[in-house]
C-alpha atoms as a PDB file:
ATOM      1  CA  MET A   1      19.133  -9.931  11.765  1.00  0.00           C
ATOM      2  CA  ILE A   2      16.354 -12.410  11.385  1.00  0.00           C
ATOM      3  CA  SER A   3      17.340 -15.963  12.239  1.00  0.00           C
ATOM      4  CA  GLY A   4      16.534 -19.146  10.344  1.00  0.00           C
ATOM      5  CA  CYS A   5      13.700 -20.058  12.754  1.00  0.00           C
ATOM      6  CA  HIS A   6      11.886 -16.893  11.852  1.00  0.00           C
ATOM      7  CA  ILE A   7      12.201 -17.365   8.070  1.00  0.00           C
ATOM      8  CA  VAL A   8      10.136 -20.612   8.032  1.00  0.00           C
ATOM      9  CA  PRO A   9       6.862 -18.998   9.357  1.00  0.00           C
ATOM     10  CA  ILE A  10       7.370 -16.120   6.942  1.00  0.00           C
ATOM     11  CA  TYR A  11       7.892 -18.508   4.040  1.00  0.00           C
ATOM     12  CA  VAL A  12       4.699 -20.400   5.007  1.00  0.00           C
ATOM     13  CA  ILE A  13       2.678 -17.175   5.137  1.00  0.00           C
ATOM     14  CA  LEU A  14       4.084 -16.259   1.636  1.00  0.00           C
ATOM     15  CA  VAL A  15       3.072 -19.606   0.247  1.00  0.00           C
ATOM     16  CA  VAL A  16      -0.423 -19.418   1.736  1.00  0.00           C
ATOM     17  CA  LEU A  17      -0.975 -15.885   0.347  1.00  0.00           C
ATOM     18  CA  THR A  18       0.287 -17.026  -3.020  1.00  0.00           C
ATOM     19  CA  PHE A  19      -2.255 -19.772  -3.380  1.00  0.00           C
ATOM     20  CA  LEU A  20      -5.326 -18.111  -1.853  1.00  0.00           C
ATOM     21  CA  PRO A  21      -8.213 -17.827  -4.275  1.00  0.00           C
ATOM     22  CA  THR A  22      -7.576 -15.043  -6.711  1.00  0.00           C
ATOM     23  CA  GLY A  23     -10.947 -13.455  -5.990  1.00  0.00           C
ATOM     24  CA  THR A  24      -9.531 -12.404  -2.694  1.00  0.00           C
ATOM     25  CA  PHE A  25      -7.009 -10.085  -4.376  1.00  0.00           C
ATOM     26  CA  GLY A  26      -8.521  -9.365  -7.737  1.00  0.00           C
ATOM     27  CA  GLN A  27     -10.833  -6.604  -8.853  1.00  0.00           C
ATOM     28  CA  THR A  28     -14.429  -7.361  -9.285  1.00  0.00           C
ATOM     29  CA  GLU A  29     -16.294  -6.401 -12.404  1.00  0.00           C
ATOM     30  CA  ASN A  30     -18.974  -3.759 -11.905  1.00  0.00           C
ATOM     31  CA  SER A  31     -22.263  -5.330 -12.943  1.00  0.00           C
ATOM     32  CA  ALA A  32     -23.457  -2.057 -14.318  1.00  0.00           C
ATOM     33  CA  ASP A  33     -20.520  -1.969 -16.739  1.00  0.00           C
ATOM     34  CA  ALA A  34     -20.765  -5.638 -17.749  1.00  0.00           C
ATOM     35  CA  PRO A  35     -22.467  -6.383 -21.047  1.00  0.00           C
ATOM     36  CA  SER A  36     -25.770  -8.117 -20.737  1.00  0.00           C
ATOM     37  CA  THR A  37     -25.643 -11.716 -21.892  1.00  0.00           C
ATOM     38  CA  SER A  38     -29.441 -12.220 -21.910  1.00  0.00           C
ATOM     39  CA  THR A  39     -29.756 -10.416 -25.220  1.00  0.00           C
ATOM     40  CA  GLN A  40     -27.305 -12.754 -26.979  1.00  0.00           C
ATOM     41  CA  SER A  41     -28.687 -15.696 -28.967  1.00  0.00           C
ATOM     42  CA  ALA A  42     -27.742 -19.267 -28.199  1.00  0.00           C
ATOM     43  CA  SER A  43     -25.598 -19.530 -31.332  1.00  0.00           C
ATOM     44  CA  SER A  44     -23.506 -16.423 -30.548  1.00  0.00           C
ATOM     45  CA  THR A  45     -19.832 -16.495 -29.637  1.00  0.00           C
ATOM     46  CA  THR A  46     -17.889 -14.633 -27.022  1.00  0.00           C
ATOM     47  CA  PRO A  47     -16.009 -11.638 -28.390  1.00  0.00           C
ATOM     48  CA  ASP A  48     -12.627 -12.472 -26.820  1.00  0.00           C
ATOM     49  CA  ARG A  49     -12.378 -16.226 -27.365  1.00  0.00           C
ATOM     50  CA  GLY A  50     -14.826 -17.025 -30.140  1.00  0.00           C
ATOM     51  CA  GLU A  51     -16.052 -20.063 -28.290  1.00  0.00           C
ATOM     52  CA  PRO A  52     -19.712 -20.906 -28.705  1.00  0.00           C
ATOM     53  CA  GLN A  53     -22.081 -20.664 -25.826  1.00  0.00           C
ATOM     54  CA  SER A  54     -24.424 -23.491 -25.025  1.00  0.00           C
ATOM     55  CA  ALA A  55     -28.198 -22.906 -25.268  1.00  0.00           C
ATOM     56  CA  GLY A  56     -28.744 -22.852 -21.529  1.00  0.00           C
ATOM     57  CA  GLN A  57     -25.679 -20.785 -20.657  1.00  0.00           C
ATOM     58  CA  ASN A  58     -26.426 -17.323 -19.280  1.00  0.00           C
ATOM     59  CA  SER A  59     -22.897 -15.941 -19.020  1.00  0.00           C
ATOM     60  CA  ALA A  60     -19.988 -15.451 -21.392  1.00  0.00           C
ATOM     61  CA  TYR A  61     -16.828 -17.615 -21.312  1.00  0.00           C
ATOM     62  CA  VAL A  62     -14.515 -16.539 -18.528  1.00  0.00           C
ATOM     63  CA  PRO A  63     -10.815 -17.397 -19.072  1.00  0.00           C
ATOM     64  CA  PRO A  64      -9.002 -19.150 -16.232  1.00  0.00           C
ATOM     65  CA  THR A  65      -7.482 -16.884 -13.682  1.00  0.00           C
ATOM     66  CA  CYS A  66      -4.048 -17.378 -12.079  1.00  0.00           C
ATOM     67  CA  GLY A  67      -4.133 -19.895  -9.296  1.00  0.00           C
ATOM     68  CA  ILE A  68      -2.831 -23.294  -8.152  1.00  0.00           C
ATOM     69  CA  THR A  69      -4.881 -25.089 -10.773  1.00  0.00           C
ATOM     70  CA  HIS A  70      -3.887 -22.737 -13.640  1.00  0.00           C
ATOM     71  CA  VAL A  71      -0.099 -22.279 -13.212  1.00  0.00           C
ATOM     72  CA  GLY A  72       0.318 -21.869 -16.966  1.00  0.00           C
ATOM     73  CA  GLN A  73      -2.062 -18.900 -16.852  1.00  0.00           C
ATOM     74  CA  CYS A  74       0.025 -17.380 -14.030  1.00  0.00           C
ATOM     75  CA  LEU A  75       3.148 -17.687 -16.122  1.00  0.00           C
ATOM     76  CA  LYS A  76       1.391 -16.194 -19.131  1.00  0.00           C
ATOM     77  CA  ASP A  77       0.123 -13.262 -17.004  1.00  0.00           C
ATOM     78  CA  LEU A  78       3.538 -12.686 -15.558  1.00  0.00           C
ATOM     79  CA  GLY A  79       5.137 -12.605 -18.946  1.00  0.00           C
ATOM     80  CA  HIS A  80       2.509 -10.221 -20.284  1.00  0.00           C
ATOM     81  CA  ASP A  81       3.049  -7.877 -17.310  1.00  0.00           C
ATOM     82  CA  GLN A  82       6.810  -7.990 -17.699  1.00  0.00           C
ATOM     83  CA  ALA A  83       6.624  -7.245 -21.412  1.00  0.00           C
ATOM     84  CA  GLY A  84       4.512  -4.179 -20.650  1.00  0.00           C
ATOM     85  CA  ILE A  85       6.955  -2.981 -18.006  1.00  0.00           C
ATOM     86  CA  TRP A  86      10.120  -3.478 -20.124  1.00  0.00           C
ATOM     87  CA  THR A  87       8.622  -1.951 -23.264  1.00  0.00           C
ATOM     88  CA  SER A  88       7.036   1.073 -21.538  1.00  0.00           C
ATOM     89  CA  PRO A  89       9.899   3.417 -22.488  1.00  0.00           C
ATOM     90  CA  LEU A  90       8.898   2.818 -26.157  1.00  0.00           C
ATOM     91  CA  ARG A  91       5.446   4.297 -25.324  1.00  0.00           C
ATOM     92  CA  ILE A  92       6.629   7.618 -23.843  1.00  0.00           C
ATOM     93  CA  ARG A  93       4.744  10.563 -25.245  1.00  0.00           C
ATOM     94  CA  PRO A  94       5.703  14.279 -25.194  1.00  0.00           C
ATOM     95  CA  HIS A  95       3.095  15.035 -22.474  1.00  0.00           C
ATOM     96  CA  ASP A  96       4.933  12.515 -20.199  1.00  0.00           C
ATOM     97  CA  ALA A  97       7.735  15.084 -19.809  1.00  0.00           C
ATOM     98  CA  TYR A  98       5.625  17.018 -17.299  1.00  0.00           C
ATOM     99  CA  TRP A  99       6.283  14.321 -14.734  1.00  0.00           C
ATOM    100  CA  LEU A 100       9.312  12.501 -16.232  1.00  0.00           C
ATOM    101  CA  VAL A 101      11.702  15.463 -16.294  1.00  0.00           C
ATOM    102  CA  PRO A 102      11.215  16.573 -12.666  1.00  0.00           C
ATOM    103  CA  PHE A 103      11.409  12.894 -11.563  1.00  0.00           C
ATOM    104  CA  ALA A 104      14.714  12.399 -13.450  1.00  0.00           C
ATOM    105  CA  ALA A 105      16.089  15.673 -12.005  1.00  0.00           C
ATOM    106  CA  ALA A 106      15.167  14.678  -8.472  1.00  0.00           C
ATOM    107  CA  THR A 107      16.776  11.278  -8.946  1.00  0.00           C
ATOM    108  CA  GLY A 108      20.017  12.862 -10.203  1.00  0.00           C
ATOM    109  CA  VAL A 109      20.097  15.246  -7.234  1.00  0.00           C
ATOM    110  CA  ALA A 110      19.417  12.448  -4.758  1.00  0.00           C
ATOM    111  CA  LEU A 111      22.231  10.302  -6.221  1.00  0.00           C
ATOM    112  CA  HIS A 112      24.718  13.169  -6.053  1.00  0.00           C
ATOM    113  CA  TYR A 113      23.893  14.097  -2.458  1.00  0.00           C
ATOM    114  CA  ASP A 114      23.582  10.468  -1.368  1.00  0.00           C
ATOM    115  CA  ALA A 115      27.278   9.823  -2.160  1.00  0.00           C
ATOM    116  CA  GLN A 116      28.322  13.121  -0.559  1.00  0.00           C
ATOM    117  CA  ALA A 117      26.311  12.429   2.617  1.00  0.00           C
ATOM    118  CA  GLN A 118      27.805   8.950   2.875  1.00  0.00           C
ATOM    119  CA  GLN A 119      31.327  10.374   2.760  1.00  0.00           C
ATOM    120  CA  ASP A 120      30.456  13.032   5.380  1.00  0.00           C
ATOM    121  CA  LEU A 121      28.856  10.536   7.786  1.00  0.00           C
ATOM    122  CA  GLY A 122      31.574   7.908   7.584  1.00  0.00           C
ATOM    123  CA  VAL A 123      31.089   4.320   8.890  1.00  0.00           C
ATOM    124  CA  ASP A 124      29.223   3.725  12.137  1.00  0.00           C
ATOM    125  CA  LYS A 125      28.325   0.158  13.264  1.00  0.00           C
ATOM    126  CA  THR A 126      25.169   1.313  15.122  1.00  0.00           C
ATOM    127  CA  ARG A 127      23.730   3.041  12.054  1.00  0.00           C
ATOM    128  CA  ILE A 128      24.475  -0.015   9.875  1.00  0.00           C
ATOM    129  CA  ASP A 129      22.726  -2.318  12.391  1.00  0.00           C
ATOM    130  CA  ILE A 130      19.637  -0.011  12.552  1.00  0.00           C
ATOM    131  CA  SER A 131      19.597   0.249   8.770  1.00  0.00           C
ATOM    132  CA  ASN A 132      19.750  -3.572   8.418  1.00  0.00           C
ATOM    133  CA  THR A 133      16.848  -3.993  10.925  1.00  0.00           C
ATOM    134  CA  ILE A 134      14.651  -1.419   9.082  1.00  0.00           C
ATOM    135  CA  SER A 135      15.515  -3.117   5.754  1.00  0.00           C
ATOM    136  CA  GLY A 136      14.534  -6.559   7.117  1.00  0.00           C
ATOM    137  CA  VAL A 137      11.273  -5.204   8.519  1.00  0.00           C
ATOM    138  CA  GLY A 138      10.453  -3.674   5.189  1.00  0.00           C
ATOM    139  CA  LEU A 139      11.356  -6.822   3.260  1.00  0.00           C
ATOM    140  CA  TYR A 140       9.358  -9.187   5.341  1.00  0.00           C
ATOM    141  CA  GLY A 141       6.517  -6.715   5.790  1.00  0.00           C
ATOM    142  CA  SER A 142       6.099  -6.425   2.045  1.00  0.00           C
ATOM    143  CA  ILE A 143       6.171 -10.224   1.710  1.00  0.00           C
ATOM    144  CA  GLY A 144       3.383 -10.451   4.340  1.00  0.00           C
END
């Protein structure tokens, strides 16, 4: 088990990773795919926001990205992502059955045999300790 003195450095690492510049983790736009802004006139507007560009501005408006200075944008992005995740079953199409049916069958088989294997193995303190250690490494490794 990980003691309290080990949790503090892990928490500090988590906080630092959370507030690093988002460019570190984000995807970059391919300049070949980006629309050219040099052909736009000074009075044009950006397609997404409708905000006018100034006469000397060479690039389109870029909305704020999630970060320490834009916490509201982080919450908005999180809500948008969660809405997409929770409503994804509403967007299932017939061709999704090619992967969904085998996945559901494998999950059902695994759940059935998991309970049976647990009864066959019984309770062993050593296996429980090893399992807890592996679980802790996986948890804190994913945080890192």
